[in-house]
């Protein structure tokens, strides 16, 4: 079984769709509309809900919600970095006053916050499979002139708990054209975060597997970790920065002069940027810089960027860019591998 098969199996296992719960939540809008639904979560200023009589997920502008009630458990994130778990309710609010949300952590313990302070709500459960959110994407491009074909496949699964989260992301690209060898790139990335007692600070671990025919990489394994901080976390923007250390082991394809495996101890600087516009578009960028410590002067850099446009319900169109760079590759090997693609994405869980 080769590396691509292993990565694909892992990705499919991690993106198993979830079973929906009963739609018994109550949502009241500021214009007086009252609806019985399933509240799925809040992200980027958008409250996601579903109805028995409407197919798919519906997007609601969070600032126009006047009241909500749910007996389900939710993880609630606030703008200052605090996290709470509980059922949701809306206490009576005098006319003209900001809407408040009541979080019932236990029958004896409750907290009341202004709705504008809340930047994230994610449904959770005691059942393992009902704690996942994610997406699956696929794209195909064909050109008759040079019989060029490009396939892209991607998947992502996020597992959430009150103080920590774990993310798995898989991407695969295959390009072929008449008269040339097919080019393949497969990556499987893991990351986990745990909030520290200080708001907005966290410690994190990261890992990854990479195969790139353009760079002659048979398998590159990355393991690392560090400390990070959310620089901004609102209903329109989310930015985090992490600094730490990482170890990379890279096995190259046999060449005229065998290279074998190279190991690199490096610092790790990772940035994650997400920009949102109500229910229509969002842009996500991740970038990681690896300045060498065991080999001073050597630098590796990885980045992924995806722009999404919502089409309908859980379906989105996306255009993405990926890139890997190494300023000191082995002699005869390429220093970079990058490309772009477009396709459709289907989300599950929260969205």
C-alpha atoms as a PDB file:
ATOM      1  CA  UNK A   1       0.000   0.000   0.000  1.00  0.00           C
ATOM      2  CA  UNK A   2       1.611   3.301  -1.097  1.00  0.00           C
ATOM      3  CA  UNK A   3       1.578   6.671   0.669  1.00  0.00           C
ATOM      4  CA  UNK A   4      -1.249   8.071  -1.494  1.00  0.00           C
ATOM      5  CA  UNK A   5      -3.532   5.172  -0.592  1.00  0.00           C
ATOM      6  CA  UNK A   6      -2.768   5.556   3.116  1.00  0.00           C
ATOM      7  CA  UNK A   7      -3.455   9.306   3.016  1.00  0.00           C
ATOM      8  CA  UNK A   8      -6.737   8.854   1.142  1.00  0.00           C
ATOM      9  CA  UNK A   9      -8.002   6.217   3.579  1.00  0.00           C
ATOM     10  CA  UNK A  10      -7.148   8.448   6.556  1.00  0.00           C
ATOM     11  CA  UNK A  11      -8.907  11.400   4.941  1.00  0.00           C
ATOM     12  CA  UNK A  12     -12.104   9.462   4.208  1.00  0.00           C
ATOM     13  CA  UNK A  13     -12.221   8.026   7.727  1.00  0.00           C
ATOM     14  CA  UNK A  14     -11.817  11.500   9.226  1.00  0.00           C
ATOM     15  CA  UNK A  15     -14.607  13.007   7.144  1.00  0.00           C
ATOM     16  CA  UNK A  16     -17.478  10.650   7.895  1.00  0.00           C
ATOM     17  CA  UNK A  17     -20.740  12.672   7.761  1.00  0.00           C
ATOM     18  CA  UNK A  18     -22.770  13.128  10.925  1.00  0.00           C
ATOM     19  CA  UNK A  19     -26.318  12.182  11.838  1.00  0.00           C
ATOM     20  CA  UNK A  20     -28.579  15.154  12.467  1.00  0.00           C
ATOM     21  CA  UNK A  21     -30.331  15.564  15.815  1.00  0.00           C
ATOM     22  CA  UNK A  22     -33.973  16.550  16.329  1.00  0.00           C
ATOM     23  CA  UNK A  23     -35.019  20.033  15.198  1.00  0.00           C
ATOM     24  CA  UNK A  24     -36.601  21.358  18.410  1.00  0.00           C
ATOM     25  CA  UNK A  25     -34.718  24.638  18.938  1.00  0.00           C
ATOM     26  CA  UNK A  26     -36.550  27.983  18.808  1.00  0.00           C
ATOM     27  CA  UNK A  27     -35.244  31.015  16.920  1.00  0.00           C
ATOM     28  CA  UNK A  28     -36.899  34.466  16.989  1.00  0.00           C
ATOM     29  CA  UNK A  29     -35.756  37.278  14.720  1.00  0.00           C
ATOM     30  CA  UNK A  30     -35.873  41.006  15.466  1.00  0.00           C
ATOM     31  CA  UNK A  31     -38.672  41.436  12.891  1.00  0.00           C
ATOM     32  CA  UNK A  32     -40.847  39.018  14.900  1.00  0.00           C
ATOM     33  CA  UNK A  33     -40.404  35.854  12.804  1.00  0.00           C
ATOM     34  CA  UNK A  34     -40.444  32.739  15.000  1.00  0.00           C
ATOM     35  CA  UNK A  35     -39.042  29.413  13.773  1.00  0.00           C
ATOM     36  CA  UNK A  36     -38.575  25.893  15.101  1.00  0.00           C
ATOM     37  CA  UNK A  37     -35.253  24.538  13.839  1.00  0.00           C
ATOM     38  CA  UNK A  38     -31.946  22.911  14.648  1.00  0.00           C
ATOM     39  CA  UNK A  39     -29.267  25.414  15.654  1.00  0.00           C
ATOM     40  CA  UNK A  40     -26.027  24.044  14.245  1.00  0.00           C
ATOM     41  CA  UNK A  41     -23.628  26.829  15.220  1.00  0.00           C
ATOM     42  CA  UNK A  42     -22.286  30.339  14.803  1.00  0.00           C
ATOM     43  CA  UNK A  43     -19.224  31.143  12.718  1.00  0.00           C
ATOM     44  CA  UNK A  44     -18.009  34.369  11.063  1.00  0.00           C
ATOM     45  CA  UNK A  45     -21.151  36.306  12.022  1.00  0.00           C
ATOM     46  CA  UNK A  46     -23.434  33.639  10.508  1.00  0.00           C
ATOM     47  CA  UNK A  47     -25.824  31.464  12.531  1.00  0.00           C
ATOM     48  CA  UNK A  48     -26.339  28.133  10.752  1.00  0.00           C
ATOM     49  CA  UNK A  49     -29.721  26.429  11.225  1.00  0.00           C
ATOM     50  CA  UNK A  50     -31.679  23.648   9.521  1.00  0.00           C
ATOM     51  CA  UNK A  51     -35.404  22.942   9.210  1.00  0.00           C
ATOM     52  CA  UNK A  52     -37.527  19.812   8.703  1.00  0.00           C
ATOM     53  CA  UNK A  53     -39.225  21.438   5.705  1.00  0.00           C
ATOM     54  CA  UNK A  54     -36.137  22.987   4.024  1.00  0.00           C
ATOM     55  CA  UNK A  55     -33.364  20.903   2.449  1.00  0.00           C
ATOM     56  CA  UNK A  56     -29.849  21.690   3.654  1.00  0.00           C
ATOM     57  CA  UNK A  57     -28.551  24.375   6.006  1.00  0.00           C
ATOM     58  CA  UNK A  58     -29.840  27.944   6.151  1.00  0.00           C
ATOM     59  CA  UNK A  59     -27.685  30.976   7.000  1.00  0.00           C
ATOM     60  CA  UNK A  60     -29.009  33.649   9.376  1.00  0.00           C
ATOM     61  CA  UNK A  61     -27.333  36.973  10.154  1.00  0.00           C
ATOM     62  CA  UNK A  62     -26.361  36.817  13.845  1.00  0.00           C
ATOM     63  CA  UNK A  63     -26.896  40.554  14.473  1.00  0.00           C
ATOM     64  CA  UNK A  64     -30.599  40.182  13.508  1.00  0.00           C
ATOM     65  CA  UNK A  65     -31.376  37.416  16.027  1.00  0.00           C
ATOM     66  CA  UNK A  66     -33.561  38.574  18.925  1.00  0.00           C
ATOM     67  CA  UNK A  67     -34.002  35.310  20.823  1.00  0.00           C
ATOM     68  CA  UNK A  68     -32.974  31.664  20.772  1.00  0.00           C
ATOM     69  CA  UNK A  69     -33.681  28.639  22.941  1.00  0.00           C
ATOM     70  CA  UNK A  70     -32.053  25.210  22.854  1.00  0.00           C
ATOM     71  CA  UNK A  71     -31.741  22.286  25.254  1.00  0.00           C
ATOM     72  CA  UNK A  72     -28.721  20.972  23.345  1.00  0.00           C
ATOM     73  CA  UNK A  73     -25.117  21.434  24.486  1.00  0.00           C
ATOM     74  CA  UNK A  74     -22.968  24.052  22.740  1.00  0.00           C
ATOM     75  CA  UNK A  75     -19.384  25.248  23.017  1.00  0.00           C
ATOM     76  CA  UNK A  76     -19.455  29.067  23.100  1.00  0.00           C
ATOM     77  CA  UNK A  77     -16.425  31.228  22.240  1.00  0.00           C
ATOM     78  CA  UNK A  78     -16.272  34.929  23.107  1.00  0.00           C
ATOM     79  CA  UNK A  79     -14.284  37.797  21.623  1.00  0.00           C
ATOM     80  CA  UNK A  80     -11.922  37.933  24.646  1.00  0.00           C
ATOM     81  CA  UNK A  81     -10.962  34.261  24.195  1.00  0.00           C
ATOM     82  CA  UNK A  82     -13.138  32.752  26.946  1.00  0.00           C
ATOM     83  CA  UNK A  83     -14.863  29.407  26.314  1.00  0.00           C
ATOM     84  CA  UNK A  84     -18.018  27.997  27.899  1.00  0.00           C
ATOM     85  CA  UNK A  85     -20.188  24.900  27.461  1.00  0.00           C
ATOM     86  CA  UNK A  86     -23.924  24.768  28.110  1.00  0.00           C
ATOM     87  CA  UNK A  87     -27.482  25.129  26.851  1.00  0.00           C
ATOM     88  CA  UNK A  88     -28.609  28.435  25.345  1.00  0.00           C
ATOM     89  CA  UNK A  89     -31.468  30.756  26.206  1.00  0.00           C
ATOM     90  CA  UNK A  90     -32.311  34.449  25.873  1.00  0.00           C
ATOM     91  CA  UNK A  91     -33.498  36.321  28.985  1.00  0.00           C
ATOM     92  CA  UNK A  92     -36.048  39.100  28.722  1.00  0.00           C
ATOM     93  CA  UNK A  93     -34.315  42.200  27.372  1.00  0.00           C
ATOM     94  CA  UNK A  94     -35.794  45.730  27.625  1.00  0.00           C
ATOM     95  CA  UNK A  95     -36.551  47.409  24.299  1.00  0.00           C
ATOM     96  CA  UNK A  96     -33.510  49.244  22.960  1.00  0.00           C
ATOM     97  CA  UNK A  97     -31.042  47.219  25.041  1.00  0.00           C
ATOM     98  CA  UNK A  98     -28.450  44.841  23.491  1.00  0.00           C
ATOM     99  CA  UNK A  99     -29.607  41.248  23.020  1.00  0.00           C
ATOM    100  CA  UNK A 100     -28.220  38.942  25.705  1.00  0.00           C
ATOM    101  CA  UNK A 101     -27.550  35.201  25.576  1.00  0.00           C
ATOM    102  CA  UNK A 102     -27.830  33.023  28.663  1.00  0.00           C
ATOM    103  CA  UNK A 103     -25.481  30.033  28.875  1.00  0.00           C
ATOM    104  CA  UNK A 104     -26.723  27.333  31.264  1.00  0.00           C
ATOM    105  CA  UNK A 105     -23.595  25.367  32.217  1.00  0.00           C
ATOM    106  CA  UNK A 106     -25.439  23.528  35.041  1.00  0.00           C
ATOM    107  CA  UNK A 107     -28.856  24.054  36.654  1.00  0.00           C
ATOM    108  CA  UNK A 108     -27.097  26.001  39.412  1.00  0.00           C
ATOM    109  CA  UNK A 109     -24.602  27.882  37.198  1.00  0.00           C
ATOM    110  CA  UNK A 110     -25.463  30.296  34.427  1.00  0.00           C
ATOM    111  CA  UNK A 111     -23.773  33.144  32.584  1.00  0.00           C
ATOM    112  CA  UNK A 112     -25.308  36.028  30.620  1.00  0.00           C
ATOM    113  CA  UNK A 113     -23.407  37.693  27.751  1.00  0.00           C
ATOM    114  CA  UNK A 114     -24.257  40.288  25.137  1.00  0.00           C
ATOM    115  CA  UNK A 115     -24.722  38.566  21.774  1.00  0.00           C
ATOM    116  CA  UNK A 116     -22.116  40.873  20.183  1.00  0.00           C
ATOM    117  CA  UNK A 117     -19.465  39.353  22.486  1.00  0.00           C
ATOM    118  CA  UNK A 118     -20.070  35.852  21.119  1.00  0.00           C
ATOM    119  CA  UNK A 119     -17.993  34.944  18.042  1.00  0.00           C
ATOM    120  CA  UNK A 120     -18.465  31.184  17.907  1.00  0.00           C
ATOM    121  CA  UNK A 121     -21.112  28.603  18.821  1.00  0.00           C
ATOM    122  CA  UNK A 122     -20.550  24.948  17.993  1.00  0.00           C
ATOM    123  CA  UNK A 123     -22.919  22.107  18.772  1.00  0.00           C
ATOM    124  CA  UNK A 124     -21.353  19.366  20.866  1.00  0.00           C
ATOM    125  CA  UNK A 125     -22.508  16.048  22.241  1.00  0.00           C
ATOM    126  CA  UNK A 126     -21.541  13.180  24.488  1.00  0.00           C
ATOM    127  CA  UNK A 127     -21.449  11.098  21.288  1.00  0.00           C
ATOM    128  CA  UNK A 128     -18.034  11.048  19.624  1.00  0.00           C
ATOM    129  CA  UNK A 129     -19.148  11.325  15.966  1.00  0.00           C
ATOM    130  CA  UNK A 130     -21.423  14.303  16.643  1.00  0.00           C
ATOM    131  CA  UNK A 131     -18.485  16.556  17.586  1.00  0.00           C
ATOM    132  CA  UNK A 132     -17.058  16.837  14.061  1.00  0.00           C
ATOM    133  CA  UNK A 133     -17.280  19.656  11.501  1.00  0.00           C
ATOM    134  CA  UNK A 134     -15.618  19.729   8.106  1.00  0.00           C
ATOM    135  CA  UNK A 135     -15.804  19.649   4.340  1.00  0.00           C
ATOM    136  CA  UNK A 136     -15.025  17.580   1.245  1.00  0.00           C
ATOM    137  CA  UNK A 137     -14.003  19.193  -2.067  1.00  0.00           C
ATOM    138  CA  UNK A 138     -13.329  17.955  -5.599  1.00  0.00           C
ATOM    139  CA  UNK A 139     -12.358  19.533  -8.913  1.00  0.00           C
ATOM    140  CA  UNK A 140     -11.492  18.497 -12.501  1.00  0.00           C
ATOM    141  CA  UNK A 141      -9.913  20.560 -15.296  1.00  0.00           C
ATOM    142  CA  UNK A 142      -9.417  19.299 -18.885  1.00  0.00           C
ATOM    143  CA  UNK A 143      -7.818  20.894 -21.966  1.00  0.00           C
ATOM    144  CA  UNK A 144      -8.208  19.189 -25.349  1.00  0.00           C
ATOM    145  CA  UNK A 145      -5.321  21.078 -26.993  1.00  0.00           C
ATOM    146  CA  UNK A 146      -2.557  19.254 -25.109  1.00  0.00           C
ATOM    147  CA  UNK A 147      -4.813  16.623 -23.536  1.00  0.00           C
ATOM    148  CA  UNK A 148      -4.030  18.049 -20.114  1.00  0.00           C
ATOM    149  CA  UNK A 149      -6.078  16.913 -17.110  1.00  0.00           C
ATOM    150  CA  UNK A 150      -5.924  18.015 -13.502  1.00  0.00           C
ATOM    151  CA  UNK A 151      -7.729  16.363 -10.602  1.00  0.00           C
ATOM    152  CA  UNK A 152      -7.957  17.802  -7.098  1.00  0.00           C
ATOM    153  CA  UNK A 153      -9.426  16.294  -3.952  1.00  0.00           C
ATOM    154  CA  UNK A 154      -9.491  17.735  -0.462  1.00  0.00           C
ATOM    155  CA  UNK A 155     -11.084  17.022   2.887  1.00  0.00           C
ATOM    156  CA  UNK A 156     -11.016  18.540   6.349  1.00  0.00           C
ATOM    157  CA  UNK A 157     -12.361  17.435   9.732  1.00  0.00           C
ATOM    158  CA  UNK A 158     -12.365  19.503  12.937  1.00  0.00           C
ATOM    159  CA  UNK A 159     -13.031  17.890  16.319  1.00  0.00           C
ATOM    160  CA  UNK A 160     -14.049  20.371  19.023  1.00  0.00           C
ATOM    161  CA  UNK A 161     -14.141  20.271  22.801  1.00  0.00           C
ATOM    162  CA  UNK A 162     -14.451  23.116  25.290  1.00  0.00           C
ATOM    163  CA  UNK A 163     -10.747  23.868  25.786  1.00  0.00           C
ATOM    164  CA  UNK A 164      -9.126  22.043  22.881  1.00  0.00           C
ATOM    165  CA  UNK A 165      -9.560  21.082  19.251  1.00  0.00           C
ATOM    166  CA  UNK A 166      -7.971  18.751  16.686  1.00  0.00           C
ATOM    167  CA  UNK A 167      -7.833  19.312  12.926  1.00  0.00           C
ATOM    168  CA  UNK A 168      -7.028  16.920  10.073  1.00  0.00           C
ATOM    169  CA  UNK A 169      -6.637  18.223   6.516  1.00  0.00           C
ATOM    170  CA  UNK A 170      -5.922  16.174   3.357  1.00  0.00           C
ATOM    171  CA  UNK A 171      -5.169  17.506  -0.146  1.00  0.00           C
ATOM    172  CA  UNK A 172      -4.349  15.613  -3.344  1.00  0.00           C
ATOM    173  CA  UNK A 173      -3.409  16.982  -6.776  1.00  0.00           C
ATOM    174  CA  UNK A 174      -2.761  15.018  -9.965  1.00  0.00           C
ATOM    175  CA  UNK A 175      -1.783  16.669 -13.266  1.00  0.00           C
ATOM    176  CA  UNK A 176      -1.080  14.931 -16.553  1.00  0.00           C
ATOM    177  CA  UNK A 177      -0.711  15.977 -20.189  1.00  0.00           C
ATOM    178  CA  UNK A 178       0.199  14.339 -23.481  1.00  0.00           C
ATOM    179  CA  UNK A 179       3.889  13.439 -23.766  1.00  0.00           C
ATOM    180  CA  UNK A 180       4.810  14.103 -20.123  1.00  0.00           C
ATOM    181  CA  UNK A 181       4.823  12.106 -16.898  1.00  0.00           C
ATOM    182  CA  UNK A 182       2.001  12.678 -14.447  1.00  0.00           C
ATOM    183  CA  UNK A 183       2.751  15.023 -11.550  1.00  0.00           C
ATOM    184  CA  UNK A 184       1.311  14.197  -8.118  1.00  0.00           C
ATOM    185  CA  UNK A 185       1.204  15.930  -4.756  1.00  0.00           C
ATOM    186  CA  UNK A 186      -0.416  14.517  -1.611  1.00  0.00           C
ATOM    187  CA  UNK A 187      -0.400  16.062   1.855  1.00  0.00           C
ATOM    188  CA  UNK A 188      -1.976  15.053   5.148  1.00  0.00           C
ATOM    189  CA  UNK A 189      -1.701  17.594   7.969  1.00  0.00           C
ATOM    190  CA  UNK A 190      -2.579  17.255  11.650  1.00  0.00           C
ATOM    191  CA  UNK A 191      -2.805  19.936  14.317  1.00  0.00           C
ATOM    192  CA  UNK A 192      -4.155  20.198  17.837  1.00  0.00           C
ATOM    193  CA  UNK A 193      -4.681  23.219  20.090  1.00  0.00           C
ATOM    194  CA  UNK A 194      -5.355  23.589  23.807  1.00  0.00           C
ATOM    195  CA  UNK A 195      -6.258  26.914  25.384  1.00  0.00           C
ATOM    196  CA  UNK A 196      -4.066  28.135  28.223  1.00  0.00           C
ATOM    197  CA  UNK A 197      -5.481  29.774  31.368  1.00  0.00           C
ATOM    198  CA  UNK A 198      -4.674  33.158  29.844  1.00  0.00           C
ATOM    199  CA  UNK A 199      -7.313  34.230  27.330  1.00  0.00           C
ATOM    200  CA  UNK A 200      -6.349  33.993  23.648  1.00  0.00           C
ATOM    201  CA  UNK A 201      -3.153  32.010  24.341  1.00  0.00           C
ATOM    202  CA  UNK A 202      -2.781  28.325  23.443  1.00  0.00           C
ATOM    203  CA  UNK A 203      -0.208  25.580  23.016  1.00  0.00           C
ATOM    204  CA  UNK A 204      -0.323  23.443  19.907  1.00  0.00           C
ATOM    205  CA  UNK A 205       1.147  20.411  18.218  1.00  0.00           C
ATOM    206  CA  UNK A 206       1.508  19.942  14.477  1.00  0.00           C
ATOM    207  CA  UNK A 207       2.401  17.108  12.153  1.00  0.00           C
ATOM    208  CA  UNK A 208       2.254  16.249   8.495  1.00  0.00           C
ATOM    209  CA  UNK A 209       3.026  13.851   5.665  1.00  0.00           C
ATOM    210  CA  UNK A 210       3.935  15.142   2.204  1.00  0.00           C
ATOM    211  CA  UNK A 211       4.598  13.495  -1.165  1.00  0.00           C
ATOM    212  CA  UNK A 212       5.602  15.697  -4.141  1.00  0.00           C
ATOM    213  CA  UNK A 213       6.791  14.354  -7.486  1.00  0.00           C
ATOM    214  CA  UNK A 214       7.736  17.889  -8.625  1.00  0.00           C
ATOM    215  CA  UNK A 215      10.297  18.145  -5.804  1.00  0.00           C
ATOM    216  CA  UNK A 216      11.256  14.469  -5.907  1.00  0.00           C
ATOM    217  CA  UNK A 217       9.953  13.933  -2.377  1.00  0.00           C
ATOM    218  CA  UNK A 218       8.813  10.371  -1.717  1.00  0.00           C
ATOM    219  CA  UNK A 219       7.814  11.164   1.875  1.00  0.00           C
ATOM    220  CA  UNK A 220       8.407  14.151   4.138  1.00  0.00           C
ATOM    221  CA  UNK A 221       7.390  13.738   7.783  1.00  0.00           C
ATOM    222  CA  UNK A 222       6.959  16.795  10.018  1.00  0.00           C
ATOM    223  CA  UNK A 223       6.455  16.805  13.809  1.00  0.00           C
ATOM    224  CA  UNK A 224       6.505  19.913  15.982  1.00  0.00           C
ATOM    225  CA  UNK A 225       4.792  22.151  18.494  1.00  0.00           C
ATOM    226  CA  UNK A 226       4.841  25.521  20.205  1.00  0.00           C
ATOM    227  CA  UNK A 227       2.930  28.382  21.821  1.00  0.00           C
ATOM    228  CA  UNK A 228       0.466  30.630  20.038  1.00  0.00           C
ATOM    229  CA  UNK A 229      -1.968  33.506  20.432  1.00  0.00           C
ATOM    230  CA  UNK A 230      -5.160  34.647  18.737  1.00  0.00           C
ATOM    231  CA  UNK A 231      -4.306  38.157  17.577  1.00  0.00           C
ATOM    232  CA  UNK A 232      -7.889  38.826  16.492  1.00  0.00           C
ATOM    233  CA  UNK A 233     -11.071  36.799  16.876  1.00  0.00           C
ATOM    234  CA  UNK A 234     -14.302  38.501  15.787  1.00  0.00           C
ATOM    235  CA  UNK A 235     -17.327  37.736  13.605  1.00  0.00           C
ATOM    236  CA  UNK A 236     -15.411  39.105  10.603  1.00  0.00           C
ATOM    237  CA  UNK A 237     -11.751  38.219  11.168  1.00  0.00           C
ATOM    238  CA  UNK A 238      -9.770  35.458  12.880  1.00  0.00           C
ATOM    239  CA  UNK A 239      -5.956  35.605  13.025  1.00  0.00           C
ATOM    240  CA  UNK A 240      -3.578  33.419  15.048  1.00  0.00           C
ATOM    241  CA  UNK A 241       0.212  33.166  15.231  1.00  0.00           C
ATOM    242  CA  UNK A 242       2.340  30.327  16.611  1.00  0.00           C
ATOM    243  CA  UNK A 243       6.049  29.985  17.341  1.00  0.00           C
ATOM    244  CA  UNK A 244       7.854  26.776  18.220  1.00  0.00           C
ATOM    245  CA  UNK A 245      10.178  24.039  17.001  1.00  0.00           C
ATOM    246  CA  UNK A 246       9.828  21.202  14.467  1.00  0.00           C
ATOM    247  CA  UNK A 247      11.671  18.178  13.104  1.00  0.00           C
ATOM    248  CA  UNK A 248      11.460  17.141   9.446  1.00  0.00           C
ATOM    249  CA  UNK A 249      12.610  13.890   7.843  1.00  0.00           C
ATOM    250  CA  UNK A 250      12.584  13.905   4.024  1.00  0.00           C
ATOM    251  CA  UNK A 251      13.138  10.881   1.779  1.00  0.00           C
ATOM    252  CA  UNK A 252      13.908  11.737  -1.857  1.00  0.00           C
ATOM    253  CA  UNK A 253      13.437   9.654  -5.002  1.00  0.00           C
ATOM    254  CA  UNK A 254      16.566   7.756  -6.141  1.00  0.00           C
ATOM    255  CA  UNK A 255      18.599   9.800  -8.630  1.00  0.00           C
ATOM    256  CA  UNK A 256      21.947   9.559 -10.376  1.00  0.00           C
ATOM    257  CA  UNK A 257      23.579  10.324  -7.022  1.00  0.00           C
ATOM    258  CA  UNK A 258      21.370   8.763  -4.292  1.00  0.00           C
ATOM    259  CA  UNK A 259      20.312  11.325  -1.682  1.00  0.00           C
ATOM    260  CA  UNK A 260      18.441   9.065   0.699  1.00  0.00           C
ATOM    261  CA  UNK A 261      16.891  10.710   3.758  1.00  0.00           C
ATOM    262  CA  UNK A 262      17.657  14.196   5.079  1.00  0.00           C
ATOM    263  CA  UNK A 263      16.759  15.306   8.623  1.00  0.00           C
ATOM    264  CA  UNK A 264      16.261  18.933   9.655  1.00  0.00           C
ATOM    265  CA  UNK A 265      15.685  20.478  13.075  1.00  0.00           C
ATOM    266  CA  UNK A 266      14.040  23.855  12.568  1.00  0.00           C
ATOM    267  CA  UNK A 267      12.169  26.662  14.239  1.00  0.00           C
ATOM    268  CA  UNK A 268       8.473  26.798  13.304  1.00  0.00           C
ATOM    269  CA  UNK A 269       6.510  30.000  12.706  1.00  0.00           C
ATOM    270  CA  UNK A 270       2.892  29.415  11.674  1.00  0.00           C
ATOM    271  CA  UNK A 271       0.156  31.909  10.800  1.00  0.00           C
ATOM    272  CA  UNK A 272      -3.548  31.258  10.236  1.00  0.00           C
ATOM    273  CA  UNK A 273      -5.753  33.988   8.737  1.00  0.00           C
ATOM    274  CA  UNK A 274      -9.506  33.816   8.045  1.00  0.00           C
ATOM    275  CA  UNK A 275     -11.587  36.673   6.619  1.00  0.00           C
ATOM    276  CA  UNK A 276     -15.387  36.466   6.352  1.00  0.00           C
ATOM    277  CA  UNK A 277     -18.290  38.212   4.648  1.00  0.00           C
ATOM    278  CA  UNK A 278     -21.806  37.246   5.763  1.00  0.00           C
ATOM    279  CA  UNK A 279     -22.695  33.820   4.386  1.00  0.00           C
ATOM    280  CA  UNK A 280     -21.352  34.595   0.913  1.00  0.00           C
ATOM    281  CA  UNK A 281     -17.571  34.466   0.799  1.00  0.00           C
ATOM    282  CA  UNK A 282     -14.603  33.701   3.014  1.00  0.00           C
ATOM    283  CA  UNK A 283     -10.842  33.510   2.587  1.00  0.00           C
ATOM    284  CA  UNK A 284      -8.552  31.178   4.536  1.00  0.00           C
ATOM    285  CA  UNK A 285      -4.743  31.324   4.480  1.00  0.00           C
ATOM    286  CA  UNK A 286      -2.274  29.138   6.366  1.00  0.00           C
ATOM    287  CA  UNK A 287       1.492  29.567   6.153  1.00  0.00           C
ATOM    288  CA  UNK A 288       4.376  27.893   8.006  1.00  0.00           C
ATOM    289  CA  UNK A 289       8.042  28.943   7.909  1.00  0.00           C
ATOM    290  CA  UNK A 290      10.795  26.496   8.956  1.00  0.00           C
ATOM    291  CA  UNK A 291      14.183  28.260   9.425  1.00  0.00           C
ATOM    292  CA  UNK A 292      16.818  25.532   9.894  1.00  0.00           C
ATOM    293  CA  UNK A 293      18.563  25.137  13.269  1.00  0.00           C
ATOM    294  CA  UNK A 294      20.616  22.024  12.517  1.00  0.00           C
ATOM    295  CA  UNK A 295      21.444  23.436   9.068  1.00  0.00           C
ATOM    296  CA  UNK A 296      21.745  27.199   9.438  1.00  0.00           C
ATOM    297  CA  UNK A 297      20.667  29.182   6.395  1.00  0.00           C
ATOM    298  CA  UNK A 298      18.294  26.534   5.077  1.00  0.00           C
ATOM    299  CA  UNK A 299      14.636  27.608   5.026  1.00  0.00           C
ATOM    300  CA  UNK A 300      11.494  25.722   4.073  1.00  0.00           C
ATOM    301  CA  UNK A 301       8.096  27.348   3.588  1.00  0.00           C
ATOM    302  CA  UNK A 302       4.609  25.874   3.084  1.00  0.00           C
ATOM    303  CA  UNK A 303       1.360  27.713   2.364  1.00  0.00           C
ATOM    304  CA  UNK A 304      -2.256  27.039   1.432  1.00  0.00           C
ATOM    305  CA  UNK A 305      -4.921  29.603   0.540  1.00  0.00           C
ATOM    306  CA  UNK A 306      -8.570  29.012  -0.374  1.00  0.00           C
ATOM    307  CA  UNK A 307     -11.296  31.450  -1.368  1.00  0.00           C
ATOM    308  CA  UNK A 308     -14.888  30.222  -1.038  1.00  0.00           C
ATOM    309  CA  UNK A 309     -18.117  31.477  -2.631  1.00  0.00           C
ATOM    310  CA  UNK A 310     -21.380  29.995  -1.343  1.00  0.00           C
ATOM    311  CA  UNK A 311     -23.637  28.618  -4.071  1.00  0.00           C
ATOM    312  CA  UNK A 312     -26.475  27.093  -2.102  1.00  0.00           C
ATOM    313  CA  UNK A 313     -27.031  25.376   1.240  1.00  0.00           C
ATOM    314  CA  UNK A 314     -23.925  23.244   2.004  1.00  0.00           C
ATOM    315  CA  UNK A 315     -22.399  23.651  -1.471  1.00  0.00           C
ATOM    316  CA  UNK A 316     -19.601  26.128  -2.232  1.00  0.00           C
ATOM    317  CA  UNK A 317     -17.337  26.937  -5.155  1.00  0.00           C
ATOM    318  CA  UNK A 318     -13.676  27.432  -4.281  1.00  0.00           C
ATOM    319  CA  UNK A 319     -10.389  28.456  -5.833  1.00  0.00           C
ATOM    320  CA  UNK A 320      -7.238  27.448  -3.983  1.00  0.00           C
ATOM    321  CA  UNK A 321      -3.461  27.832  -4.099  1.00  0.00           C
ATOM    322  CA  UNK A 322      -0.759  25.616  -2.573  1.00  0.00           C
ATOM    323  CA  UNK A 323       3.004  25.967  -2.438  1.00  0.00           C
ATOM    324  CA  UNK A 324       6.160  24.386  -0.963  1.00  0.00           C
ATOM    325  CA  UNK A 325       9.623  25.968  -1.147  1.00  0.00           C
ATOM    326  CA  UNK A 326      13.105  24.872  -0.047  1.00  0.00           C
ATOM    327  CA  UNK A 327      16.011  27.271  -0.627  1.00  0.00           C
ATOM    328  CA  UNK A 328      18.591  24.440  -0.427  1.00  0.00           C
ATOM    329  CA  UNK A 329      17.208  21.302  -2.079  1.00  0.00           C
ATOM    330  CA  UNK A 330      19.594  18.435  -2.960  1.00  0.00           C
ATOM    331  CA  UNK A 331      21.473  18.887  -6.238  1.00  0.00           C
ATOM    332  CA  UNK A 332      19.282  18.050  -9.202  1.00  0.00           C
ATOM    333  CA  UNK A 333      16.004  18.482  -7.310  1.00  0.00           C
ATOM    334  CA  UNK A 334      13.476  21.302  -7.687  1.00  0.00           C
ATOM    335  CA  UNK A 335      13.298  23.952  -4.987  1.00  0.00           C
ATOM    336  CA  UNK A 336       9.530  24.453  -5.300  1.00  0.00           C
ATOM    337  CA  UNK A 337       6.164  22.926  -6.024  1.00  0.00           C
ATOM    338  CA  UNK A 338       3.113  25.163  -6.343  1.00  0.00           C
ATOM    339  CA  UNK A 339      -0.167  25.360  -8.185  1.00  0.00           C
ATOM    340  CA  UNK A 340      -3.796  26.428  -8.132  1.00  0.00           C
ATOM    341  CA  UNK A 341      -7.136  24.724  -8.690  1.00  0.00           C
ATOM    342  CA  UNK A 342     -10.870  25.285  -8.462  1.00  0.00           C
ATOM    343  CA  UNK A 343     -13.794  23.031  -7.657  1.00  0.00           C
ATOM    344  CA  UNK A 344     -16.829  22.415  -5.457  1.00  0.00           C
ATOM    345  CA  UNK A 345     -16.936  21.909  -1.690  1.00  0.00           C
ATOM    346  CA  UNK A 346     -19.571  20.209   0.458  1.00  0.00           C
ATOM    347  CA  UNK A 347     -19.603  21.009   4.176  1.00  0.00           C
ATOM    348  CA  UNK A 348     -20.939  18.930   7.056  1.00  0.00           C
ATOM    349  CA  UNK A 349     -21.404  19.434  10.766  1.00  0.00           C
ATOM    350  CA  UNK A 350     -21.652  23.118  11.725  1.00  0.00           C
ATOM    351  CA  UNK A 351     -22.161  24.501   8.215  1.00  0.00           C
END
